[in-house]
Amino acid sequence: MSTDTPGWKRMAFKNNKVWVETGPAGDLLVQDGKVRIKYQLDQPHEYRVHKESLRPLDRPGAAPATSTVKSPAKKKPVPAKNFAGNGTEVAAAMAEKDAIQVFTDGAASGNPGPAGIGVLLIYGNSQKTISRYIGHATNNIAELKAIEAALLEIKNKKLPVRLFTDSAYSLGALTLGWKAQKNVELIAGIQKLMRTFSDLKIFKVKGHAGMAENETADRLATEAIQKLAE
């Protein structure tokens, strides 16, 4: 019995079964060498991967028929974790239906210069965006301010939160113990805010790599600066 759905095809990706977007003829829909995948068809998020990383389910070594992607079990409050560079972890986090998905970005024209932040929050079928000018700042400050604004926007801190940023600096300063020479007070304030959440994880994603939500956050940050110039 076929497991395919019009427009999507069942394949294996890193030992997980995923849905892969297909064209009218049933072939993979490739753009810039990558294809869209979803872990569940009804999830609001998508992820782009290289077509070479996919394989048919009936090929040896493919994911078994019983393979499933499960949301992590609820745990006691823990510090944010870094899964930078692990595409499978990022994709799995984006597939967690019970979590608030947060995408942040910051931009500065001149670095330092006029700066803005962009935030996209998704919970179920609800979305909220933030596009805000923050004055004269560096790009690193804008990235941190975007994360701060996103966390302040979330009122129910008992819900799991998955935050995605393309800023290695922010991830390192907030979760990896990097010794910051600047922005010390801002970083400490955000870390204090992070500790008020029961289940918060921060992920590093690659910027300008086709992730729709990250591109939206980038656009919101840039628009905040552009509106000032108009």
Foldseek 3Di string as FASTA:
>chain_A
DAPADVQWHWWFAPQAIWIWGDDPVRHGDDDPQWTWIALDPPQPFIDIDGPVRIDHCPDPPGHDPPHHQDDDDADFADFADEPEPDPVVVRSVSNPQQEKEKEKAKDDDPFFHWIWIWMWIDHHPDIDIDQATDGGHGRVVRRLVRLVVVLVVDDPQATAYEYEYQDPVLCCLQPVPDDDPPPVVSSVVVNVSSSSHGHYYYYHDHPPPPGVNNVRRVVSTVVNRVVVVD
